[in-house]
PDB file of all heavy atoms in Angstrom:
ATOM      1  N   GLY A   1     -23.143  24.111  -0.774  1.00  0.00           N
ATOM      2  CA  GLY A   1     -21.909  24.882  -0.822  1.00  0.00           C
ATOM      3  C   GLY A   1     -20.695  24.063  -0.410  1.00  0.00           C
ATOM      4  O   GLY A   1     -20.809  23.126   0.388  1.00  0.00           O
ATOM      5  N   ARG A   2     -19.568  24.420  -0.954  1.00  0.00           N
ATOM      6  CA  ARG A   2     -18.345  23.645  -0.722  1.00  0.00           C
ATOM      7  C   ARG A   2     -17.892  23.712   0.734  1.00  0.00           C
ATOM      8  O   ARG A   2     -17.419  22.713   1.282  1.00  0.00           O
ATOM      9  CB  ARG A   2     -17.227  24.142  -1.646  1.00  0.00           C
ATOM     10  CG  ARG A   2     -15.923  23.389  -1.447  1.00  0.00           C
ATOM     11  CD  ARG A   2     -14.864  23.808  -2.448  1.00  0.00           C
ATOM     12  NE  ARG A   2     -13.600  23.152  -2.183  1.00  0.00           N
ATOM     13  CZ  ARG A   2     -13.324  21.909  -2.540  1.00  0.00           C
ATOM     14  NH1 ARG A   2     -14.221  21.202  -3.203  1.00  0.00           N
ATOM     15  NH2 ARG A   2     -12.146  21.368  -2.261  1.00  0.00           N
ATOM     16  N   SER A   3     -18.011  24.858   1.370  1.00  0.00           N
ATOM     17  CA  SER A   3     -17.523  25.000   2.740  1.00  0.00           C
ATOM     18  C   SER A   3     -18.306  24.105   3.699  1.00  0.00           C
ATOM     19  O   SER A   3     -17.713  23.445   4.568  1.00  0.00           O
ATOM     20  CB  SER A   3     -17.592  26.463   3.181  1.00  0.00           C
ATOM     21  OG  SER A   3     -18.929  26.937   3.110  1.00  0.00           O
ATOM     22  N   ARG A   4     -19.630  24.068   3.556  1.00  0.00           N
ATOM     23  CA  ARG A   4     -20.439  23.213   4.420  1.00  0.00           C
ATOM     24  C   ARG A   4     -20.175  21.743   4.133  1.00  0.00           C
ATOM     25  O   ARG A   4     -20.095  20.923   5.051  1.00  0.00           O
ATOM     26  CB  ARG A   4     -21.924  23.527   4.228  1.00  0.00           C
ATOM     27  CG  ARG A   4     -22.345  24.900   4.732  1.00  0.00           C
ATOM     28  CD  ARG A   4     -23.817  25.143   4.496  1.00  0.00           C
ATOM     29  NE  ARG A   4     -24.230  26.461   4.959  1.00  0.00           N
ATOM     30  CZ  ARG A   4     -25.444  26.951   4.808  1.00  0.00           C
ATOM     31  NH1 ARG A   4     -26.382  26.226   4.185  1.00  0.00           N
ATOM     32  NH2 ARG A   4     -25.739  28.162   5.259  1.00  0.00           N
ATOM     33  N   TRP A   5     -20.075  21.436   2.843  1.00  0.00           N
ATOM     34  CA  TRP A   5     -19.800  20.050   2.480  1.00  0.00           C
ATOM     35  C   TRP A   5     -18.461  19.591   3.043  1.00  0.00           C
ATOM     36  O   TRP A   5     -18.336  18.480   3.586  1.00  0.00           O
ATOM     37  CB  TRP A   5     -19.789  19.906   0.951  1.00  0.00           C
ATOM     38  CG  TRP A   5     -19.202  18.595   0.511  1.00  0.00           C
ATOM     39  CD1 TRP A   5     -19.839  17.392   0.476  1.00  0.00           C
ATOM     40  CD2 TRP A   5     -17.865  18.361   0.053  1.00  0.00           C
ATOM     41  NE1 TRP A   5     -18.963  16.418   0.022  1.00  0.00           N
ATOM     42  CE2 TRP A   5     -17.757  16.990  -0.244  1.00  0.00           C
ATOM     43  CE3 TRP A   5     -16.754  19.197  -0.144  1.00  0.00           C
ATOM     44  CZ2 TRP A   5     -16.573  16.422  -0.711  1.00  0.00           C
ATOM     45  CZ3 TRP A   5     -15.581  18.634  -0.608  1.00  0.00           C
ATOM     46  CH2 TRP A   5     -15.495  17.264  -0.886  1.00  0.00           C
ATOM     47  N   LYS A   6     -17.455  20.436   2.950  1.00  0.00           N
ATOM     48  CA  LYS A   6     -16.130  20.072   3.445  1.00  0.00           C
ATOM     49  C   LYS A   6     -16.140  19.884   4.951  1.00  0.00           C
ATOM     50  O   LYS A   6     -15.492  18.970   5.482  1.00  0.00           O
ATOM     51  CB  LYS A   6     -15.120  21.151   3.046  1.00  0.00           C
ATOM     52  CG  LYS A   6     -13.672  20.739   3.268  1.00  0.00           C
ATOM     53  CD  LYS A   6     -12.730  21.774   2.688  1.00  0.00           C
ATOM     54  CE  LYS A   6     -11.282  21.319   2.858  1.00  0.00           C
ATOM     55  NZ  LYS A   6     -10.329  22.322   2.281  1.00  0.00           N
ATOM     56  N   ALA A   7     -16.884  20.740   5.655  1.00  0.00           N
ATOM     57  CA  ALA A   7     -16.969  20.617   7.109  1.00  0.00           C
ATOM     58  C   ALA A   7     -17.608  19.288   7.512  1.00  0.00           C
ATOM     59  O   ALA A   7     -17.144  18.612   8.441  1.00  0.00           O
ATOM     60  CB  ALA A   7     -17.766  21.788   7.685  1.00  0.00           C
ATOM     61  N   ILE A   8     -18.677  18.895   6.806  1.00  0.00           N
ATOM     62  CA  ILE A   8     -19.336  17.624   7.106  1.00  0.00           C
ATOM     63  C   ILE A   8     -18.461  16.451   6.693  1.00  0.00           C
ATOM     64  O   ILE A   8     -18.442  15.407   7.350  1.00  0.00           O
ATOM     65  CB  ILE A   8     -20.709  17.565   6.413  1.00  0.00           C
ATOM     66  CG1 ILE A   8     -21.620  18.671   6.964  1.00  0.00           C
ATOM     67  CG2 ILE A   8     -21.369  16.203   6.596  1.00  0.00           C
ATOM     68  CD1 ILE A   8     -22.952  18.784   6.257  1.00  0.00           C
ATOM     69  N   HIS A   9     -17.696  16.633   5.617  1.00  0.00           N
ATOM     70  CA  HIS A   9     -16.853  15.553   5.114  1.00  0.00           C
ATOM     71  C   HIS A   9     -15.760  15.179   6.113  1.00  0.00           C
ATOM     72  O   HIS A   9     -15.230  14.069   6.062  1.00  0.00           O
ATOM     73  CB  HIS A   9     -16.221  15.964   3.779  1.00  0.00           C
ATOM     74  CG  HIS A   9     -15.987  14.810   2.856  1.00  0.00           C
ATOM     75  ND1 HIS A   9     -16.996  14.206   2.143  1.00  0.00           N
ATOM     76  CD2 HIS A   9     -14.851  14.133   2.542  1.00  0.00           C
ATOM     77  CE1 HIS A   9     -16.501  13.226   1.421  1.00  0.00           C
ATOM     78  NE2 HIS A   9     -15.197  13.148   1.651  1.00  0.00           N
ATOM     79  N   TRP A  10     -15.412  16.097   7.012  1.00  0.00           N
ATOM     80  CA  TRP A  10     -14.425  15.786   8.043  1.00  0.00           C
ATOM     81  C   TRP A  10     -14.930  14.711   8.992  1.00  0.00           C
ATOM     82  O   TRP A  10     -14.136  14.113   9.741  1.00  0.00           O
ATOM     83  CB  TRP A  10     -14.072  17.053   8.819  1.00  0.00           C
ATOM     84  CG  TRP A  10     -13.032  17.903   8.147  1.00  0.00           C
ATOM     85  CD1 TRP A  10     -13.254  18.923   7.271  1.00  0.00           C
ATOM     86  CD2 TRP A  10     -11.610  17.795   8.280  1.00  0.00           C
ATOM     87  NE1 TRP A  10     -12.059  19.468   6.848  1.00  0.00           N
ATOM     88  CE2 TRP A  10     -11.037  18.797   7.468  1.00  0.00           C
ATOM     89  CE3 TRP A  10     -10.783  16.972   9.021  1.00  0.00           C
ATOM     90  CZ2 TRP A  10      -9.667  18.970   7.358  1.00  0.00           C
ATOM     91  CZ3 TRP A  10      -9.401  17.146   8.926  1.00  0.00           C
ATOM     92  CH2 TRP A  10      -8.865  18.131   8.100  1.00  0.00           C
ATOM     93  N   LEU A  11     -16.238  14.429   8.976  1.00  0.00           N
ATOM     94  CA  LEU A  11     -16.780  13.367   9.815  1.00  0.00           C
ATOM     95  C   LEU A  11     -16.196  12.008   9.446  1.00  0.00           C
ATOM     96  O   LEU A  11     -16.229  11.078  10.252  1.00  0.00           O
ATOM     97  CB  LEU A  11     -18.306  13.318   9.686  1.00  0.00           C
ATOM     98  CG  LEU A  11     -19.081  14.511  10.261  1.00  0.00           C
ATOM     99  CD1 LEU A  11     -20.563  14.366   9.939  1.00  0.00           C
ATOM    100  CD2 LEU A  11     -18.859  14.631  11.755  1.00  0.00           C
ATOM    101  N   ALA A  12     -15.683  11.889   8.229  1.00  0.00           N
ATOM    102  CA  ALA A  12     -15.085  10.626   7.811  1.00  0.00           C
ATOM    103  C   ALA A  12     -13.908  10.246   8.705  1.00  0.00           C
ATOM    104  O   ALA A  12     -13.634   9.060   8.925  1.00  0.00           O
ATOM    105  CB  ALA A  12     -14.631  10.717   6.353  1.00  0.00           C
ATOM    106  N   TYR A  13     -13.205  11.258   9.221  1.00  0.00           N
ATOM    107  CA  TYR A  13     -12.074  10.979  10.094  1.00  0.00           C
ATOM    108  C   TYR A  13     -12.535  10.417  11.443  1.00  0.00           C
ATOM    109  O   TYR A  13     -11.760   9.747  12.131  1.00  0.00           O
ATOM    110  CB  TYR A  13     -11.250  12.250  10.320  1.00  0.00           C
ATOM    111  CG  TYR A  13     -10.443  12.659   9.113  1.00  0.00           C
ATOM    112  CD1 TYR A  13     -10.948  13.564   8.189  1.00  0.00           C
ATOM    113  CD2 TYR A  13      -9.186  12.122   8.878  1.00  0.00           C
ATOM    114  CE1 TYR A  13     -10.216  13.937   7.068  1.00  0.00           C
ATOM    115  CE2 TYR A  13      -8.443  12.481   7.770  1.00  0.00           C
ATOM    116  CZ  TYR A  13      -8.965  13.395   6.866  1.00  0.00           C
ATOM    117  OH  TYR A  13      -8.240  13.748   5.763  1.00  0.00           O
ATOM    118  N   ALA A  14     -13.757  10.697  11.848  1.00  0.00           N
ATOM    119  CA  ALA A  14     -14.319  10.094  13.058  1.00  0.00           C
ATOM    120  C   ALA A  14     -14.960   8.747  12.745  1.00  0.00           C
ATOM    121  O   ALA A  14     -14.977   7.845  13.595  1.00  0.00           O
ATOM    122  CB  ALA A  14     -15.356  11.031  13.675  1.00  0.00           C
ATOM    123  N   MET A  15     -15.484   8.601  11.543  1.00  0.00           N
ATOM    124  CA  MET A  15     -16.151   7.366  11.153  1.00  0.00           C
ATOM    125  C   MET A  15     -15.184   6.200  11.089  1.00  0.00           C
ATOM    126  O   MET A  15     -15.498   5.087  11.527  1.00  0.00           O
ATOM    127  CB  MET A  15     -16.817   7.553   9.784  1.00  0.00           C
ATOM    128  CG  MET A  15     -17.424   6.302   9.182  1.00  0.00           C
ATOM    129  SD  MET A  15     -17.761   6.528   7.431  1.00  0.00           S
ATOM    130  CE  MET A  15     -16.084   6.661   6.762  1.00  0.00           C
ATOM    131  N   TRP A  16     -13.976   6.451  10.573  1.00  0.00           N
ATOM    132  CA  TRP A  16     -13.034   5.349  10.343  1.00  0.00           C
ATOM    133  C   TRP A  16     -12.597   4.649  11.631  1.00  0.00           C
ATOM    134  O   TRP A  16     -12.729   3.420  11.744  1.00  0.00           O
ATOM    135  CB  TRP A  16     -11.832   5.875   9.550  1.00  0.00           C
ATOM    136  CG  TRP A  16     -10.798   4.838   9.319  1.00  0.00           C
ATOM    137  CD1 TRP A  16     -10.821   3.818   8.419  1.00  0.00           C
ATOM    138  CD2 TRP A  16      -9.562   4.692  10.036  1.00  0.00           C
ATOM    139  NE1 TRP A  16      -9.690   3.048   8.516  1.00  0.00           N
ATOM    140  CE2 TRP A  16      -8.900   3.567   9.507  1.00  0.00           C
ATOM    141  CE3 TRP A  16      -8.964   5.413  11.065  1.00  0.00           C
ATOM    142  CZ2 TRP A  16      -7.672   3.150   9.976  1.00  0.00           C
ATOM    143  CZ3 TRP A  16      -7.728   4.997  11.533  1.00  0.00           C
ATOM    144  CH2 TRP A  16      -7.095   3.886  10.995  1.00  0.00           C
ATOM    145  N   PRO A  17     -12.074   5.353  12.654  1.00  0.00           N
ATOM    146  CA  PRO A  17     -11.718   4.641  13.887  1.00  0.00           C
ATOM    147  C   PRO A  17     -12.934   4.062  14.587  1.00  0.00           C
ATOM    148  O   PRO A  17     -12.845   3.008  15.234  1.00  0.00           O
ATOM    149  CB  PRO A  17     -11.034   5.723  14.741  1.00  0.00           C
ATOM    150  CG  PRO A  17     -11.511   7.013  14.199  1.00  0.00           C
ATOM    151  CD  PRO A  17     -11.738   6.793  12.740  1.00  0.00           C
ATOM    152  N   ASP A  18     -14.072   4.728  14.473  1.00  0.00           N
ATOM    153  CA  ASP A  18     -15.305   4.220  15.060  1.00  0.00           C
ATOM    154  C   ASP A  18     -15.643   2.855  14.478  1.00  0.00           C
ATOM    155  O   ASP A  18     -15.990   1.917  15.206  1.00  0.00           O
ATOM    156  CB  ASP A  18     -16.429   5.220  14.791  1.00  0.00           C
ATOM    157  CG  ASP A  18     -17.629   4.988  15.690  1.00  0.00           C
ATOM    158  OD1 ASP A  18     -17.456   4.350  16.743  1.00  0.00           O
ATOM    159  OD2 ASP A  18     -18.724   5.434  15.347  1.00  0.00           O
ATOM    160  N   ALA A  19     -15.537   2.735  13.162  1.00  0.00           N
ATOM    161  CA  ALA A  19     -15.831   1.465  12.500  1.00  0.00           C
ATOM    162  C   ALA A  19     -14.826   0.382  12.885  1.00  0.00           C
ATOM    163  O   ALA A  19     -15.193  -0.794  13.057  1.00  0.00           O
ATOM    164  CB  ALA A  19     -15.840   1.663  10.984  1.00  0.00           C
ATOM    165  N   LEU A  20     -13.558   0.761  13.048  1.00  0.00           N
ATOM    166  CA  LEU A  20     -12.536  -0.219  13.425  1.00  0.00           C
ATOM    167  C   LEU A  20     -12.782  -0.750  14.837  1.00  0.00           C
ATOM    168  O   LEU A  20     -12.673  -1.959  15.084  1.00  0.00           O
ATOM    169  CB  LEU A  20     -11.147   0.402  13.322  1.00  0.00           C
ATOM    170  CG  LEU A  20     -10.429   0.276  11.980  1.00  0.00           C
ATOM    171  CD1 LEU A  20      -9.028   0.849  12.075  1.00  0.00           C
ATOM    172  CD2 LEU A  20     -10.371  -1.175  11.517  1.00  0.00           C
ATOM    173  N   PHE A  21     -13.092   0.136  15.765  1.00  0.00           N
ATOM    174  CA  PHE A  21     -13.373  -0.307  17.130  1.00  0.00           C
ATOM    175  C   PHE A  21     -14.637  -1.171  17.163  1.00  0.00           C
ATOM    176  O   PHE A  21     -14.708  -2.138  17.933  1.00  0.00           O
ATOM    177  CB  PHE A  21     -13.536   0.905  18.057  1.00  0.00           C
ATOM    178  CG  PHE A  21     -12.244   1.430  18.605  1.00  0.00           C
ATOM    179  CD1 PHE A  21     -11.638   2.544  18.033  1.00  0.00           C
ATOM    180  CD2 PHE A  21     -11.622   0.810  19.672  1.00  0.00           C
ATOM    181  CE1 PHE A  21     -10.440   3.029  18.531  1.00  0.00           C
ATOM    182  CE2 PHE A  21     -10.417   1.288  20.185  1.00  0.00           C
ATOM    183  CZ  PHE A  21      -9.827   2.402  19.613  1.00  0.00           C
ATOM    184  N   HIS A  22     -15.622  -0.834  16.348  1.00  0.00           N
ATOM    185  CA  HIS A  22     -16.838  -1.650  16.248  1.00  0.00           C
ATOM    186  C   HIS A  22     -16.497  -3.052  15.765  1.00  0.00           C
ATOM    187  O   HIS A  22     -16.936  -4.051  16.366  1.00  0.00           O
ATOM    188  CB  HIS A  22     -17.827  -0.985  15.293  1.00  0.00           C
ATOM    189  CG  HIS A  22     -18.832  -1.934  14.712  1.00  0.00           C
ATOM    190  ND1 HIS A  22     -19.881  -2.472  15.433  1.00  0.00           N
ATOM    191  CD2 HIS A  22     -18.935  -2.444  13.448  1.00  0.00           C
ATOM    192  CE1 HIS A  22     -20.588  -3.271  14.657  1.00  0.00           C
ATOM    193  NE2 HIS A  22     -20.046  -3.283  13.455  1.00  0.00           N
ATOM    194  N   ALA A  23     -15.723  -3.132  14.691  1.00  0.00           N
ATOM    195  CA  ALA A  23     -15.391  -4.433  14.116  1.00  0.00           C
ATOM    196  C   ALA A  23     -14.574  -5.280  15.090  1.00  0.00           C
ATOM    197  O   ALA A  23     -14.821  -6.477  15.256  1.00  0.00           O
ATOM    198  CB  ALA A  23     -14.624  -4.236  12.813  1.00  0.00           C
ATOM    199  N   ALA A  24     -13.592  -4.656  15.738  1.00  0.00           N
ATOM    200  CA  ALA A  24     -12.743  -5.397  16.667  1.00  0.00           C
ATOM    201  C   ALA A  24     -13.510  -5.814  17.918  1.00  0.00           C
ATOM    202  O   ALA A  24     -13.312  -6.916  18.446  1.00  0.00           O
ATOM    203  CB  ALA A  24     -11.532  -4.553  17.048  1.00  0.00           C
ATOM    204  N   GLY A  25     -14.409  -4.941  18.383  1.00  0.00           N
ATOM    205  CA  GLY A  25     -15.110  -5.226  19.625  1.00  0.00           C
ATOM    206  C   GLY A  25     -16.220  -6.235  19.501  1.00  0.00           C
ATOM    207  O   GLY A  25     -16.460  -7.032  20.413  1.00  0.00           O
ATOM    208  N   ILE A  26     -16.893  -6.253  18.369  1.00  0.00           N
ATOM    209  CA  ILE A  26     -18.057  -7.136  18.227  1.00  0.00           C
ATOM    210  C   ILE A  26     -17.749  -8.384  17.412  1.00  0.00           C
ATOM    211  O   ILE A  26     -18.484  -9.369  17.475  1.00  0.00           O
ATOM    212  CB  ILE A  26     -19.229  -6.372  17.573  1.00  0.00           C
ATOM    213  CG1 ILE A  26     -20.566  -7.034  17.913  1.00  0.00           C
ATOM    214  CG2 ILE A  26     -19.051  -6.254  16.060  1.00  0.00           C
ATOM    215  CD1 ILE A  26     -21.773  -6.244  17.483  1.00  0.00           C
ATOM    216  N   GLY A  27     -16.662  -8.365  16.647  1.00  0.00           N
ATOM    217  CA  GLY A  27     -16.347  -9.494  15.772  1.00  0.00           C
ATOM    218  C   GLY A  27     -15.827 -10.696  16.529  1.00  0.00           C
ATOM    219  O   GLY A  27     -14.906 -10.581  17.332  1.00  0.00           O
ATOM    220  N   THR A  28     -16.407 -11.863  16.272  1.00  0.00           N
ATOM    221  CA  THR A  28     -15.937 -13.088  16.923  1.00  0.00           C
ATOM    222  C   THR A  28     -14.670 -13.635  16.282  1.00  0.00           C
ATOM    223  O   THR A  28     -14.033 -14.520  16.841  1.00  0.00           O
ATOM    224  CB  THR A  28     -17.038 -14.159  16.866  1.00  0.00           C
ATOM    225  OG1 THR A  28     -17.417 -14.374  15.492  1.00  0.00           O
ATOM    226  CG2 THR A  28     -18.269 -13.708  17.646  1.00  0.00           C
ATOM    227  N   ASP A  29     -14.312 -13.123  15.094  1.00  0.00           N
ATOM    228  CA  ASP A  29     -13.119 -13.608  14.404  1.00  0.00           C
ATOM    229  C   ASP A  29     -11.934 -12.673  14.581  1.00  0.00           C
ATOM    230  O   ASP A  29     -10.910 -12.836  13.914  1.00  0.00           O
ATOM    231  CB  ASP A  29     -13.404 -13.790  12.908  1.00  0.00           C
ATOM    232  CG  ASP A  29     -13.976 -12.523  12.278  1.00  0.00           C
ATOM    233  OD1 ASP A  29     -14.237 -11.554  13.022  1.00  0.00           O
ATOM    234  OD2 ASP A  29     -14.156 -12.503  11.042  1.00  0.00           O
ATOM    235  N   THR A  30     -12.034 -11.704  15.489  1.00  0.00           N
ATOM    236  CA  THR A  30     -10.943 -10.745  15.689  1.00  0.00           C
ATOM    237  C   THR A  30      -9.622 -11.416  16.045  1.00  0.00           C
ATOM    238  O   THR A  30      -8.568 -10.997  15.544  1.00  0.00           O
ATOM    239  CB  THR A  30     -11.334  -9.721  16.775  1.00  0.00           C
ATOM    240  OG1 THR A  30     -12.447  -8.949  16.311  1.00  0.00           O
ATOM    241  CG2 THR A  30     -10.185  -8.772  17.074  1.00  0.00           C
ATOM    242  N   PRO A  31      -9.580 -12.467  16.894  1.00  0.00           N
ATOM    243  CA  PRO A  31      -8.284 -13.065  17.249  1.00  0.00           C
ATOM    244  C   PRO A  31      -7.601 -13.821  16.118  1.00  0.00           C
ATOM    245  O   PRO A  31      -6.430 -14.183  16.256  1.00  0.00           O
ATOM    246  CB  PRO A  31      -8.644 -14.026  18.401  1.00  0.00           C
ATOM    247  CG  PRO A  31      -9.987 -13.585  18.881  1.00  0.00           C
ATOM    248  CD  PRO A  31     -10.678 -13.040  17.683  1.00  0.00           C
ATOM    249  N   LEU A  32      -8.298 -14.083  15.017  1.00  0.00           N
ATOM    250  CA  LEU A  32      -7.696 -14.835  13.920  1.00  0.00           C
ATOM    251  C   LEU A  32      -6.570 -14.040  13.272  1.00  0.00           C
ATOM    252  O   LEU A  32      -6.646 -12.823  13.139  1.00  0.00           O
ATOM    253  CB  LEU A  32      -8.757 -15.191  12.876  1.00  0.00           C
ATOM    254  CG  LEU A  32      -9.930 -16.048  13.368  1.00  0.00           C
ATOM    255  CD1 LEU A  32     -10.896 -16.329  12.220  1.00  0.00           C
ATOM    256  CD2 LEU A  32      -9.421 -17.349  13.974  1.00  0.00           C
ATOM    257  N   GLY A  33      -5.542 -14.750  12.852  1.00  0.00           N
ATOM    258  CA  GLY A  33      -4.379 -14.096  12.266  1.00  0.00           C
ATOM    259  C   GLY A  33      -4.710 -13.275  11.034  1.00  0.00           C
ATOM    260  O   GLY A  33      -4.201 -12.154  10.862  1.00  0.00           O
ATOM    261  N   PHE A  34      -5.572 -13.814  10.167  1.00  0.00           N
ATOM    262  CA  PHE A  34      -5.944 -13.084   8.958  1.00  0.00           C
ATOM    263  C   PHE A  34      -6.659 -11.787   9.301  1.00  0.00           C
ATOM    264  O   PHE A  34      -6.399 -10.739   8.695  1.00  0.00           O
ATOM    265  CB  PHE A  34      -6.848 -13.958   8.080  1.00  0.00           C
ATOM    266  CG  PHE A  34      -7.436 -13.227   6.908  1.00  0.00           C
ATOM    267  CD1 PHE A  34      -6.674 -12.979   5.778  1.00  0.00           C
ATOM    268  CD2 PHE A  34      -8.752 -12.763   6.942  1.00  0.00           C
ATOM    269  CE1 PHE A  34      -7.208 -12.292   4.688  1.00  0.00           C
ATOM    270  CE2 PHE A  34      -9.285 -12.084   5.858  1.00  0.00           C
ATOM    271  CZ  PHE A  34      -8.517 -11.853   4.734  1.00  0.00           C
ATOM    272  N   GLN A  35      -7.556 -11.836  10.289  1.00  0.00           N
ATOM    273  CA  GLN A  35      -8.309 -10.642  10.660  1.00  0.00           C
ATOM    274  C   GLN A  35      -7.402  -9.599  11.299  1.00  0.00           C
ATOM    275  O   GLN A  35      -7.518  -8.399  11.021  1.00  0.00           O
ATOM    276  CB  GLN A  35      -9.428 -11.021  11.632  1.00  0.00           C
ATOM    277  CG  GLN A  35     -10.452  -9.928  11.846  1.00  0.00           C
ATOM    278  CD  GLN A  35     -11.253  -9.616  10.593  1.00  0.00           C
ATOM    279  OE1 GLN A  35     -11.576 -10.515   9.821  1.00  0.00           O
ATOM    280  NE2 GLN A  35     -11.546  -8.359  10.377  1.00  0.00           N
ATOM    281  N   LEU A  36      -6.469 -10.048  12.123  1.00  0.00           N
ATOM    282  CA  LEU A  36      -5.522  -9.113  12.732  1.00  0.00           C
ATOM    283  C   LEU A  36      -4.639  -8.462  11.670  1.00  0.00           C
ATOM    284  O   LEU A  36      -4.326  -7.267  11.749  1.00  0.00           O
ATOM    285  CB  LEU A  36      -4.661  -9.848  13.757  1.00  0.00           C
ATOM    286  CG  LEU A  36      -5.378 -10.324  15.025  1.00  0.00           C
ATOM    287  CD1 LEU A  36      -4.436 -11.143  15.888  1.00  0.00           C
ATOM    288  CD2 LEU A  36      -5.935  -9.144  15.803  1.00  0.00           C
ATOM    289  N   ALA A  37      -4.238  -9.260  10.662  1.00  0.00           N
ATOM    290  CA  ALA A  37      -3.430  -8.699   9.570  1.00  0.00           C
ATOM    291  C   ALA A  37      -4.229  -7.670   8.777  1.00  0.00           C
ATOM    292  O   ALA A  37      -3.691  -6.637   8.348  1.00  0.00           O
ATOM    293  CB  ALA A  37      -2.953  -9.825   8.651  1.00  0.00           C
ATOM    294  N   LEU A  38      -5.524  -7.929   8.595  1.00  0.00           N
ATOM    295  CA  LEU A  38      -6.385  -6.985   7.871  1.00  0.00           C
ATOM    296  C   LEU A  38      -6.527  -5.677   8.643  1.00  0.00           C
ATOM    297  O   LEU A  38      -6.432  -4.584   8.056  1.00  0.00           O
ATOM    298  CB  LEU A  38      -7.758  -7.610   7.641  1.00  0.00           C
ATOM    299  CG  LEU A  38      -8.758  -6.793   6.801  1.00  0.00           C
ATOM    300  CD1 LEU A  38      -8.192  -6.548   5.408  1.00  0.00           C
ATOM    301  CD2 LEU A  38     -10.089  -7.522   6.710  1.00  0.00           C
TER     302      LEU A  38
END
């Protein structure tokens, strides 16, 4: 059903910052200028 799907789809808004903090926290190339620009 659309209502349940839409409710679960809101998880994407939690996934995105979670992935960014993961990449910044664990990545050894985070201080590089290109990575910061990305």
